[in-house]
């Protein structure tokens, strides 16, 4: 599939803007279209996914996308919201864990499984899109960063609870442990896109947890 930079969208009055046309599609399955768009952004990233890619995958004219989703950026952000609201979310994984160690390990294992799905693109939509974003899409980068930082903050809280409860030593560096977990998740995404198997990613997750301090 060919890709086009956002700034090269045909008939676009400004970068990322889908041309406005009058009328609303007579028949448009919004949920299906959003799901297809999510997969496309997941596979190619934000800026590398062109208007032509979207209209071809959704089998609709540009005017239909504009009428329903406003513009490419809005469609992407809705796709991201769909991506992070799956049946098992990061918040659920962290909240359900008994300790910070368990929360981090479960996040890594979920990433290893999610990044190697049989019916979805390899890697992480957030990581793929963040890497491919230029300075022109700084608002998109900021939105993606806010999601990652939110997960990191939730994990940090769980780790600090574990320190207070004694399952981690008092001198454990909670900020470093939370950041390390998110960094490993980013790395797992890259490896998955390079073709790494699920079993390899799960072994990396196990290895990453060996740096965690033991309670005394």
Protein backbone atom coordinates (compact mmCIF):
# COMPACT_ATOMS: atom_id res chain seq x y z
CA UNK A 1 0.00 0.00 0.00
CA UNK A 2 1.42 3.35 -0.96
CA UNK A 3 1.79 6.02 1.66
CA UNK A 4 1.65 9.77 1.39
CA UNK A 5 2.76 12.45 3.76
CA UNK A 6 -0.08 14.39 5.36
CA UNK A 7 1.07 17.52 3.64
CA UNK A 8 0.67 15.81 0.25
CA UNK A 9 -3.01 14.97 0.56
CA UNK A 10 -4.68 15.84 -2.72
CA UNK A 11 -6.99 18.83 -2.75
CA UNK A 12 -6.19 19.50 0.92
CA UNK A 13 -6.49 23.17 1.92
CA UNK A 14 -4.12 22.55 4.84
CA UNK A 15 -2.12 19.67 6.29
CA UNK A 16 -4.27 16.84 7.59
CA UNK A 17 -7.51 18.50 6.49
CA UNK A 18 -9.92 16.36 4.49
CA UNK A 19 -11.73 18.45 1.85
CA UNK A 20 -15.24 19.47 2.77
CA UNK A 21 -18.08 18.44 0.51
CA UNK A 22 -21.78 18.90 1.04
CA UNK A 23 -23.96 16.02 2.03
CA UNK A 24 -23.80 13.15 4.46
CA UNK A 25 -23.39 9.51 3.41
CA UNK A 26 -26.71 7.73 3.03
CA UNK A 27 -25.30 4.53 4.49
CA UNK A 28 -22.19 4.55 6.66
CA UNK A 29 -21.28 1.96 9.29
CA UNK A 30 -19.44 4.25 11.66
CA UNK A 31 -18.19 1.56 14.05
CA UNK A 32 -16.86 -0.60 11.24
CA UNK A 33 -15.21 2.39 9.59
CA UNK A 34 -13.57 3.41 12.85
CA UNK A 35 -12.28 -0.12 13.42
CA UNK A 36 -10.83 -0.28 9.90
CA UNK A 37 -9.21 3.12 10.34
CA UNK A 38 -7.70 2.01 13.65
CA UNK A 39 -6.09 -1.00 11.98
CA UNK A 40 -4.73 1.18 9.20
CA UNK A 41 -3.20 3.72 11.59
CA UNK A 42 -1.89 0.84 13.71
CA UNK A 43 -0.11 -0.64 10.70
CA UNK A 44 1.29 2.52 9.14
CA UNK A 45 1.24 5.25 11.78
CA UNK A 46 -0.48 8.62 11.69
CA UNK A 47 1.39 10.60 9.08
CA UNK A 48 2.13 7.65 6.79
CA UNK A 49 -1.56 6.83 6.46
CA UNK A 50 -2.90 8.86 3.56
CA UNK A 51 -6.41 9.96 2.71
CA UNK A 52 -6.30 7.57 -0.23
CA UNK A 53 -5.38 4.70 2.12
CA UNK A 54 -8.35 5.55 4.35
CA UNK A 55 -10.93 5.93 1.60
CA UNK A 56 -9.75 2.70 -0.06
CA UNK A 57 -9.87 0.70 3.18
CA UNK A 58 -13.23 2.12 4.18
CA UNK A 59 -14.58 1.98 0.63
CA UNK A 60 -16.07 5.48 0.86
CA UNK A 61 -15.39 8.85 -0.79
CA UNK A 62 -13.43 11.51 1.12
CA UNK A 63 -16.63 13.49 1.66
CA UNK A 64 -18.09 10.66 3.73
CA UNK A 65 -15.09 10.57 6.03
CA UNK A 66 -15.25 14.33 6.42
CA UNK A 67 -18.99 14.32 7.14
CA UNK A 68 -18.67 11.66 9.85
CA UNK A 69 -15.24 12.27 11.40
CA UNK A 70 -14.49 15.93 10.52
CA UNK A 71 -10.84 15.42 9.50
CA UNK A 72 -7.96 12.97 9.58
CA UNK A 73 -6.70 14.03 12.99
CA UNK A 74 -10.13 13.60 14.57
CA UNK A 75 -10.46 10.18 12.95
CA UNK A 76 -7.04 9.21 14.28
CA UNK A 77 -7.77 10.36 17.82
CA UNK A 78 -11.04 8.42 17.80
CA UNK A 79 -9.09 5.41 16.55
CA UNK A 80 -6.66 5.80 19.45
CA UNK A 81 -9.56 6.03 21.91
CA UNK A 82 -10.95 2.79 20.48
CA UNK A 83 -7.52 1.16 20.70
CA UNK A 84 -7.00 1.98 24.38
CA UNK A 85 -10.56 1.04 25.37
CA UNK A 86 -10.26 -2.65 24.52
CA UNK A 87 -11.74 -5.44 26.65
CA UNK A 88 -8.69 -5.34 28.93
CA UNK A 89 -7.24 -1.89 29.54
CA UNK A 90 -3.99 -0.85 31.21
CA UNK A 91 -6.00 0.66 34.07
CA UNK A 92 -7.79 -2.62 34.64
CA UNK A 93 -4.50 -4.54 34.66
CA UNK A 94 -2.96 -2.17 37.19
CA UNK A 95 -6.06 -1.93 39.40
CA UNK A 96 -6.51 -5.71 39.50
CA UNK A 97 -2.90 -6.40 40.48
CA UNK A 98 -2.07 -7.02 44.14
CA UNK A 99 1.38 -5.42 43.93
CA UNK A 100 3.39 -3.07 41.75
CA UNK A 101 5.53 -5.99 40.61
CA UNK A 102 2.46 -7.92 39.51
CA UNK A 103 1.02 -4.87 37.75
CA UNK A 104 4.22 -4.25 35.80
CA UNK A 105 4.66 -7.90 34.88
CA UNK A 106 1.05 -8.20 33.74
CA UNK A 107 1.39 -5.06 31.63
CA UNK A 108 4.47 -6.52 29.93
CA UNK A 109 2.79 -9.86 29.31
CA UNK A 110 -0.34 -8.18 27.95
CA UNK A 111 1.86 -6.11 25.63
CA UNK A 112 3.67 -9.19 24.38
CA UNK A 113 0.35 -10.84 23.56
CA UNK A 114 -1.33 -7.73 22.17
CA UNK A 115 1.61 -6.83 19.95
CA UNK A 116 1.62 -10.24 18.29
CA UNK A 117 -2.07 -10.78 17.56
CA UNK A 118 -2.99 -12.96 14.61
CA UNK A 119 -5.67 -10.57 13.36
CA UNK A 120 -4.05 -7.23 14.15
CA UNK A 121 -0.90 -5.40 13.03
CA UNK A 122 2.30 -6.08 14.94
CA UNK A 123 3.40 -3.72 17.67
CA UNK A 124 1.61 -0.86 19.40
CA UNK A 125 -0.52 1.75 17.64
CA UNK A 126 0.64 4.45 20.07
CA UNK A 127 4.32 3.66 19.60
CA UNK A 128 4.06 3.32 15.82
CA UNK A 129 2.26 6.63 15.44
CA UNK A 130 4.51 8.51 17.86
CA UNK A 131 7.66 7.44 16.05
CA UNK A 132 6.27 8.42 12.66
CA UNK A 133 5.04 11.86 13.74
CA UNK A 134 6.95 14.93 12.62
CA UNK A 135 7.05 18.29 14.36
CA UNK A 136 4.08 19.32 12.23
CA UNK A 137 1.95 16.84 14.17
CA UNK A 138 3.10 17.90 17.63
CA UNK A 139 -0.47 18.00 18.94
CA UNK A 140 -0.89 14.35 17.98
CA UNK A 141 2.43 13.50 19.63
CA UNK A 142 1.31 15.28 22.78
CA UNK A 143 -1.96 13.35 22.86
CA UNK A 144 -0.11 10.04 22.55
CA UNK A 145 2.43 11.04 25.17
CA UNK A 146 -0.36 11.97 27.59
CA UNK A 147 -1.80 8.46 27.31
CA UNK A 148 1.57 6.82 27.98
CA UNK A 149 2.31 9.17 30.88
CA UNK A 150 -1.11 8.39 32.31
CA UNK A 151 -0.33 4.67 32.35
CA UNK A 152 3.06 5.38 33.89
CA UNK A 153 1.47 7.50 36.62
CA UNK A 154 -1.06 4.77 37.45
CA UNK A 155 1.73 2.20 37.68
CA UNK A 156 3.81 4.55 39.82
CA UNK A 157 0.94 4.83 42.30
CA UNK A 158 0.66 1.04 42.51
CA UNK A 159 4.42 0.70 43.07
CA UNK A 160 4.40 3.31 45.81
CA UNK A 161 1.52 1.47 47.48
CA UNK A 162 3.63 -1.68 47.39
CA UNK A 163 6.51 0.14 49.08
CA UNK A 164 4.22 1.33 51.85
CA UNK A 165 2.78 -2.17 52.25
CA UNK A 166 6.21 -3.77 52.39
CA UNK A 167 6.13 -5.91 49.24
CA UNK A 168 8.93 -3.70 47.88
CA UNK A 169 11.85 -2.30 49.91
CA UNK A 170 11.60 1.25 51.22
CA UNK A 171 14.53 2.39 49.11
CA UNK A 172 13.00 1.10 45.83
CA UNK A 173 13.05 3.76 43.11
CA UNK A 174 9.36 3.82 42.17
CA UNK A 175 9.81 6.37 39.37
CA UNK A 176 12.60 4.39 37.73
CA UNK A 177 10.65 1.12 37.97
CA UNK A 178 7.53 2.64 36.40
CA UNK A 179 9.52 4.34 33.64
CA UNK A 180 11.51 1.15 33.01
CA UNK A 181 8.31 -0.80 32.49
CA UNK A 182 6.99 1.67 29.92
CA UNK A 183 10.38 1.72 28.18
CA UNK A 184 10.37 -2.07 27.88
CA UNK A 185 6.83 -1.96 26.47
CA UNK A 186 8.05 0.48 23.81
CA UNK A 187 10.90 -1.88 23.02
CA UNK A 188 8.56 -4.86 22.76
CA UNK A 189 6.52 -2.95 20.19
CA UNK A 190 9.59 -2.31 18.05
CA UNK A 191 10.68 -5.95 18.24
CA UNK A 192 7.20 -7.14 17.35
CA UNK A 193 7.18 -4.95 14.25
CA UNK A 194 10.55 -6.46 13.35
CA UNK A 195 8.95 -9.90 13.44
CA UNK A 196 9.81 -11.12 16.94
CA UNK A 197 7.63 -14.02 18.13
CA UNK A 198 5.29 -13.87 21.11
CA UNK A 199 7.40 -16.38 23.01
CA UNK A 200 10.47 -14.17 22.55
CA UNK A 201 8.63 -11.11 23.82
CA UNK A 202 7.35 -13.01 26.85
CA UNK A 203 10.90 -14.11 27.68
CA UNK A 204 12.01 -10.49 27.46
CA UNK A 205 9.19 -9.54 29.83
CA UNK A 206 10.40 -12.14 32.34
CA UNK A 207 13.97 -10.91 32.04
CA UNK A 208 12.93 -7.28 32.50
CA UNK A 209 11.31 -8.11 35.84
CA UNK A 210 14.59 -9.49 37.25
CA UNK A 211 15.82 -5.96 37.85
CA UNK A 212 13.08 -5.37 40.40
CA UNK A 213 14.28 -5.28 44.02
CA UNK A 214 13.14 -7.91 46.48
CA UNK A 215 11.49 -7.04 49.77
CA UNK A 216 13.61 -7.62 52.85
